[in-house]
Amino acid sequence: MEPQQYVISFDNLSPAEAAQYAGELRDRLLDTSPNVSVEFERDAQNTMDFGATLILMLGTPAVIAVADGIRRWLSSRPTAQISVKTRHGEVLITGLTSADAAKVGPDKIVEALQLGK
């Protein structure tokens, strides 16, 4: 089975803050499952930073762990707001904040990610 791919971006932040949050969330997601791959993607090729957008690749069994990892990371960053799209641009989650993640729980995040299969 082909791994699922998602694009995670950070909304309403400066490029420096977004890059910092991308690094933190990348580390958190890599710790969730050995079946997860997370890479940085630069928004502009002429910059020196690693990028503030993450490309997430995972198999179906890792979806629950990743959803919980996103929720837990957001809970530690009350000013963060993320959006998740498929690699083809279909929006699955937009403007998710720590308050939203606490209300909906990981099961709703899993549902949204599974829509992008």
N, C-alpha and C. Protein backbone atom coordinates (compact mmCIF):
# COMPACT_ATOMS: atom_id res chain seq x y z
N MET A 1 0.83 -1.18 0.00
CA MET A 1 0.00 0.00 0.00
C MET A 1 0.88 1.25 0.00
N GLU A 2 0.54 2.19 -0.83
CA GLU A 2 1.26 3.45 -0.97
C GLU A 2 1.09 4.31 0.28
N PRO A 3 2.18 4.91 0.81
CA PRO A 3 2.01 5.76 1.99
C PRO A 3 1.18 6.99 1.67
N GLN A 4 0.44 7.45 2.66
CA GLN A 4 -0.33 8.68 2.51
C GLN A 4 0.60 9.86 2.70
N GLN A 5 0.35 10.93 1.95
CA GLN A 5 1.19 12.13 2.06
C GLN A 5 0.32 13.32 2.40
N TYR A 6 0.80 14.12 3.33
CA TYR A 6 0.10 15.32 3.77
C TYR A 6 1.08 16.48 3.79
N VAL A 7 0.55 17.68 3.62
CA VAL A 7 1.33 18.90 3.73
C VAL A 7 0.80 19.66 4.93
N ILE A 8 1.67 19.93 5.89
CA ILE A 8 1.28 20.67 7.09
C ILE A 8 1.92 22.05 7.02
N SER A 9 1.08 23.07 7.12
CA SER A 9 1.59 24.44 7.11
C SER A 9 1.15 25.16 8.38
N PHE A 10 1.85 26.22 8.70
CA PHE A 10 1.61 26.97 9.93
C PHE A 10 1.05 28.33 9.55
N ASP A 11 -0.13 28.62 10.08
CA ASP A 11 -0.87 29.81 9.67
C ASP A 11 -0.59 31.00 10.59
N ASN A 12 -0.61 32.18 10.01
CA ASN A 12 -0.55 33.45 10.76
C ASN A 12 0.69 33.59 11.64
N LEU A 13 1.83 33.13 11.16
CA LEU A 13 3.08 33.25 11.90
C LEU A 13 4.14 33.89 11.01
N SER A 14 5.14 34.47 11.64
CA SER A 14 6.27 34.97 10.88
C SER A 14 7.02 33.76 10.32
N PRO A 15 7.79 33.94 9.25
CA PRO A 15 8.57 32.81 8.72
C PRO A 15 9.48 32.17 9.76
N ALA A 16 10.08 32.96 10.64
CA ALA A 16 10.97 32.41 11.67
C ALA A 16 10.19 31.56 12.67
N GLU A 17 9.02 32.05 13.11
CA GLU A 17 8.20 31.27 14.05
C GLU A 17 7.70 29.99 13.39
N ALA A 18 7.27 30.10 12.15
CA ALA A 18 6.76 28.93 11.43
C ALA A 18 7.85 27.88 11.28
N ALA A 19 9.08 28.30 10.98
CA ALA A 19 10.18 27.35 10.85
C ALA A 19 10.49 26.69 12.19
N GLN A 20 10.43 27.46 13.27
CA GLN A 20 10.67 26.90 14.60
C GLN A 20 9.59 25.85 14.92
N TYR A 21 8.33 26.20 14.70
CA TYR A 21 7.23 25.28 14.97
C TYR A 21 7.31 24.04 14.08
N ALA A 22 7.74 24.22 12.84
CA ALA A 22 7.88 23.08 11.94
C ALA A 22 8.91 22.09 12.48
N GLY A 23 10.02 22.61 12.99
CA GLY A 23 11.04 21.74 13.57
C GLY A 23 10.53 21.00 14.79
N GLU A 24 9.81 21.71 15.65
CA GLU A 24 9.26 21.08 16.86
C GLU A 24 8.25 19.98 16.51
N LEU A 25 7.32 20.31 15.61
CA LEU A 25 6.29 19.34 15.26
C LEU A 25 6.91 18.15 14.52
N ARG A 26 7.90 18.40 13.68
CA ARG A 26 8.58 17.31 12.98
C ARG A 26 9.16 16.32 13.99
N ASP A 27 9.87 16.85 14.98
CA ASP A 27 10.46 15.98 16.00
C ASP A 27 9.39 15.19 16.74
N ARG A 28 8.29 15.85 17.09
CA ARG A 28 7.20 15.17 17.81
C ARG A 28 6.61 14.05 16.96
N LEU A 29 6.37 14.33 15.68
CA LEU A 29 5.75 13.32 14.81
C LEU A 29 6.68 12.14 14.54
N LEU A 30 7.98 12.40 14.42
CA LEU A 30 8.93 11.31 14.20
C LEU A 30 8.98 10.37 15.40
N ASP A 31 8.67 10.91 16.58
CA ASP A 31 8.65 10.09 17.79
C ASP A 31 7.38 9.25 17.92
N THR A 32 6.36 9.53 17.12
CA THR A 32 5.08 8.84 17.28
C THR A 32 5.08 7.41 16.75
N SER A 33 5.84 7.16 15.70
CA SER A 33 5.79 5.83 15.07
C SER A 33 7.00 5.66 14.16
N PRO A 34 7.52 4.43 14.06
CA PRO A 34 8.62 4.20 13.12
C PRO A 34 8.15 4.22 11.66
N ASN A 35 6.85 4.24 11.45
CA ASN A 35 6.29 4.22 10.09
C ASN A 35 5.95 5.62 9.59
N VAL A 36 6.58 6.63 10.17
CA VAL A 36 6.30 8.02 9.81
C VAL A 36 7.58 8.65 9.26
N SER A 37 7.44 9.40 8.19
CA SER A 37 8.53 10.17 7.62
C SER A 37 8.06 11.62 7.52
N VAL A 38 8.89 12.54 7.96
CA VAL A 38 8.55 13.96 7.91
C VAL A 38 9.73 14.72 7.34
N GLU A 39 9.49 15.48 6.29
CA GLU A 39 10.54 16.26 5.65
C GLU A 39 10.14 17.73 5.60
N PHE A 40 11.15 18.59 5.64
CA PHE A 40 10.91 20.02 5.47
C PHE A 40 10.73 20.34 3.99
N GLU A 41 9.90 21.32 3.71
CA GLU A 41 9.79 21.83 2.35
C GLU A 41 9.88 23.35 2.41
N ARG A 42 10.77 23.90 1.64
CA ARG A 42 10.92 25.36 1.61
C ARG A 42 9.76 25.99 0.87
N ASP A 43 9.32 27.14 1.39
CA ASP A 43 8.27 27.89 0.70
C ASP A 43 8.85 28.62 -0.51
N ALA A 44 10.11 29.02 -0.38
CA ALA A 44 10.81 29.68 -1.49
C ALA A 44 12.20 29.06 -1.60
N GLN A 45 12.61 28.74 -2.79
CA GLN A 45 13.89 28.06 -3.00
C GLN A 45 15.10 28.96 -2.77
N ASN A 46 14.89 30.27 -2.76
CA ASN A 46 16.03 31.19 -2.62
C ASN A 46 16.29 31.57 -1.16
N THR A 47 15.73 30.83 -0.20
CA THR A 47 15.99 31.12 1.21
C THR A 47 16.97 30.10 1.77
N MET A 48 17.59 30.47 2.87
CA MET A 48 18.60 29.61 3.49
C MET A 48 18.01 28.69 4.56
N ASP A 49 16.77 28.95 4.98
CA ASP A 49 16.20 28.14 6.05
C ASP A 49 15.78 26.76 5.55
N PHE A 50 15.47 25.88 6.49
CA PHE A 50 15.04 24.53 6.14
C PHE A 50 13.64 24.51 5.55
N GLY A 51 12.83 25.48 5.92
CA GLY A 51 11.45 25.55 5.46
C GLY A 51 10.48 25.51 6.61
N ALA A 52 9.31 26.05 6.37
CA ALA A 52 8.28 26.12 7.40
C ALA A 52 7.08 25.26 7.05
N THR A 53 7.22 24.42 6.06
CA THR A 53 6.16 23.50 5.66
C THR A 53 6.70 22.09 5.82
N LEU A 54 5.86 21.19 6.33
CA LEU A 54 6.26 19.81 6.52
C LEU A 54 5.55 18.90 5.54
N ILE A 55 6.26 17.94 4.99
CA ILE A 55 5.66 16.90 4.17
C ILE A 55 5.67 15.64 5.03
N LEU A 56 4.49 15.15 5.32
CA LEU A 56 4.29 14.01 6.20
C LEU A 56 3.91 12.80 5.37
N MET A 57 4.63 11.70 5.54
CA MET A 57 4.33 10.46 4.83
C MET A 57 4.14 9.36 5.85
N LEU A 58 3.04 8.63 5.77
CA LEU A 58 2.78 7.60 6.74
C LEU A 58 1.87 6.53 6.18
N GLY A 59 1.97 5.36 6.76
CA GLY A 59 1.07 4.28 6.43
C GLY A 59 -0.17 4.35 7.30
N THR A 60 -1.20 3.64 6.92
CA THR A 60 -2.47 3.67 7.64
C THR A 60 -2.34 3.40 9.14
N PRO A 61 -1.53 2.43 9.58
CA PRO A 61 -1.45 2.18 11.02
C PRO A 61 -0.93 3.37 11.83
N ALA A 62 -0.20 4.26 11.22
CA ALA A 62 0.41 5.37 11.94
C ALA A 62 -0.52 6.58 12.06
N VAL A 63 -1.67 6.58 11.41
CA VAL A 63 -2.55 7.74 11.40
C VAL A 63 -2.98 8.12 12.81
N ILE A 64 -3.36 7.16 13.62
CA ILE A 64 -3.82 7.46 14.99
C ILE A 64 -2.70 8.07 15.81
N ALA A 65 -1.51 7.52 15.72
CA ALA A 65 -0.37 8.04 16.47
C ALA A 65 -0.03 9.46 16.02
N VAL A 66 -0.09 9.71 14.73
CA VAL A 66 0.22 11.04 14.21
C VAL A 66 -0.85 12.05 14.64
N ALA A 67 -2.12 11.66 14.58
CA ALA A 67 -3.20 12.56 15.01
C ALA A 67 -3.01 12.94 16.48
N ASP A 68 -2.67 11.98 17.31
CA ASP A 68 -2.44 12.27 18.71
C ASP A 68 -1.19 13.13 18.89
N GLY A 69 -0.15 12.89 18.09
CA GLY A 69 1.05 13.71 18.15
C GLY A 69 0.77 15.17 17.78
N ILE A 70 -0.06 15.38 16.75
CA ILE A 70 -0.45 16.74 16.36
C ILE A 70 -1.21 17.40 17.50
N ARG A 71 -2.16 16.69 18.08
CA ARG A 71 -2.98 17.24 19.17
C ARG A 71 -2.11 17.59 20.37
N ARG A 72 -1.20 16.69 20.73
CA ARG A 72 -0.33 16.95 21.89
C ARG A 72 0.61 18.13 21.63
N TRP A 73 1.16 18.21 20.42
CA TRP A 73 2.05 19.33 20.11
C TRP A 73 1.27 20.65 20.17
N LEU A 74 0.08 20.67 19.59
CA LEU A 74 -0.72 21.89 19.63
C LEU A 74 -1.04 22.31 21.06
N SER A 75 -1.25 21.35 21.94
CA SER A 75 -1.57 21.69 23.33
C SER A 75 -0.42 22.43 24.01
N SER A 76 0.80 22.24 23.52
CA SER A 76 1.95 22.93 24.10
C SER A 76 2.23 24.27 23.42
N ARG A 77 1.49 24.57 22.36
CA ARG A 77 1.69 25.80 21.60
C ARG A 77 0.36 26.51 21.37
N PRO A 78 -0.14 27.24 22.37
CA PRO A 78 -1.48 27.85 22.25
C PRO A 78 -1.59 28.90 21.14
N THR A 79 -0.47 29.43 20.66
CA THR A 79 -0.56 30.43 19.60
C THR A 79 -0.44 29.81 18.21
N ALA A 80 -0.15 28.52 18.15
CA ALA A 80 0.03 27.85 16.85
C ALA A 80 -1.32 27.57 16.20
N GLN A 81 -1.31 27.58 14.89
CA GLN A 81 -2.49 27.28 14.09
C GLN A 81 -1.98 26.57 12.84
N ILE A 82 -2.49 25.35 12.57
CA ILE A 82 -1.99 24.60 11.42
C ILE A 82 -3.11 24.28 10.44
N SER A 83 -2.68 24.02 9.23
CA SER A 83 -3.57 23.52 8.19
C SER A 83 -2.92 22.28 7.60
N VAL A 84 -3.75 21.31 7.20
CA VAL A 84 -3.25 20.07 6.61
C VAL A 84 -3.95 19.86 5.28
N LYS A 85 -3.16 19.60 4.25
CA LYS A 85 -3.69 19.32 2.91
C LYS A 85 -3.12 18.00 2.43
N THR A 86 -3.77 17.43 1.43
CA THR A 86 -3.17 16.29 0.75
C THR A 86 -2.06 16.84 -0.13
N ARG A 87 -1.23 15.98 -0.63
CA ARG A 87 -0.14 16.40 -1.52
C ARG A 87 -0.70 17.03 -2.80
N HIS A 88 -1.96 16.75 -3.11
CA HIS A 88 -2.61 17.29 -4.30
C HIS A 88 -3.38 18.58 -4.03
N GLY A 89 -3.30 19.09 -2.80
CA GLY A 89 -3.90 20.37 -2.47
C GLY A 89 -5.29 20.33 -1.86
N GLU A 90 -5.86 19.15 -1.67
CA GLU A 90 -7.18 19.05 -1.04
C GLU A 90 -7.05 19.39 0.44
N VAL A 91 -7.80 20.40 0.89
CA VAL A 91 -7.73 20.84 2.27
C VAL A 91 -8.49 19.85 3.16
N LEU A 92 -7.79 19.33 4.17
CA LEU A 92 -8.40 18.39 5.11
C LEU A 92 -8.69 19.06 6.45
N ILE A 93 -7.76 19.90 6.90
CA ILE A 93 -7.89 20.62 8.16
C ILE A 93 -7.40 22.04 7.90
N THR A 94 -8.14 23.02 8.37
CA THR A 94 -7.68 24.39 8.21
C THR A 94 -7.83 25.15 9.52
N GLY A 95 -6.78 25.88 9.88
CA GLY A 95 -6.81 26.72 11.06
C GLY A 95 -6.99 26.00 12.37
N LEU A 96 -6.46 24.79 12.50
CA LEU A 96 -6.61 24.02 13.74
C LEU A 96 -5.72 24.63 14.83
N THR A 97 -6.33 24.97 15.96
CA THR A 97 -5.60 25.55 17.09
C THR A 97 -5.57 24.56 18.25
N SER A 98 -4.85 24.91 19.30
CA SER A 98 -4.79 24.03 20.47
C SER A 98 -6.17 23.90 21.10
N ALA A 99 -6.94 24.99 21.13
CA ALA A 99 -8.29 24.94 21.70
C ALA A 99 -9.18 24.00 20.88
N ASP A 100 -9.07 24.09 19.55
CA ASP A 100 -9.85 23.20 18.69
C ASP A 100 -9.46 21.74 18.91
N ALA A 101 -8.17 21.48 18.95
CA ALA A 101 -7.68 20.11 19.10
C ALA A 101 -8.12 19.51 20.43
N ALA A 102 -8.16 20.33 21.48
CA ALA A 102 -8.59 19.83 22.79
C ALA A 102 -10.08 19.48 22.78
N LYS A 103 -10.87 20.24 22.01
CA LYS A 103 -12.32 20.00 21.95
C LYS A 103 -12.66 18.76 21.12
N VAL A 104 -11.98 18.59 19.99
CA VAL A 104 -12.37 17.51 19.08
C VAL A 104 -11.68 16.19 19.39
N GLY A 105 -10.52 16.23 19.99
CA GLY A 105 -9.82 14.99 20.30
C GLY A 105 -9.17 14.38 19.07
N PRO A 106 -8.34 13.37 19.28
CA PRO A 106 -7.60 12.78 18.16
C PRO A 106 -8.48 12.05 17.16
N ASP A 107 -9.63 11.53 17.59
CA ASP A 107 -10.48 10.78 16.66
C ASP A 107 -10.97 11.64 15.50
N LYS A 108 -11.27 12.90 15.74
CA LYS A 108 -11.72 13.79 14.66
C LYS A 108 -10.56 14.15 13.73
N ILE A 109 -9.37 14.27 14.28
CA ILE A 109 -8.20 14.53 13.44
C ILE A 109 -7.94 13.31 12.55
N VAL A 110 -8.07 12.12 13.13
CA VAL A 110 -7.92 10.88 12.35
C VAL A 110 -8.92 10.86 11.20
N GLU A 111 -10.18 11.18 11.49
CA GLU A 111 -11.21 11.20 10.44
C GLU A 111 -10.83 12.14 9.32
N ALA A 112 -10.36 13.34 9.68
CA ALA A 112 -9.99 14.31 8.65
C ALA A 112 -8.82 13.80 7.82
N LEU A 113 -7.82 13.20 8.47
CA LEU A 113 -6.68 12.67 7.72
C LEU A 113 -7.09 11.53 6.82
N GLN A 114 -8.01 10.70 7.25
CA GLN A 114 -8.43 9.56 6.45
C GLN A 114 -9.27 9.98 5.24
N LEU A 115 -9.83 11.18 5.27
CA LEU A 115 -10.56 11.67 4.10
C LEU A 115 -9.62 11.86 2.91
N GLY A 116 -8.35 12.09 3.20
CA GLY A 116 -7.38 12.32 2.14
C GLY A 116 -6.79 11.08 1.52
N LYS A 117 -7.29 9.91 1.89
CA LYS A 117 -6.76 8.66 1.31
C LYS A 117 -6.93 8.61 -0.17
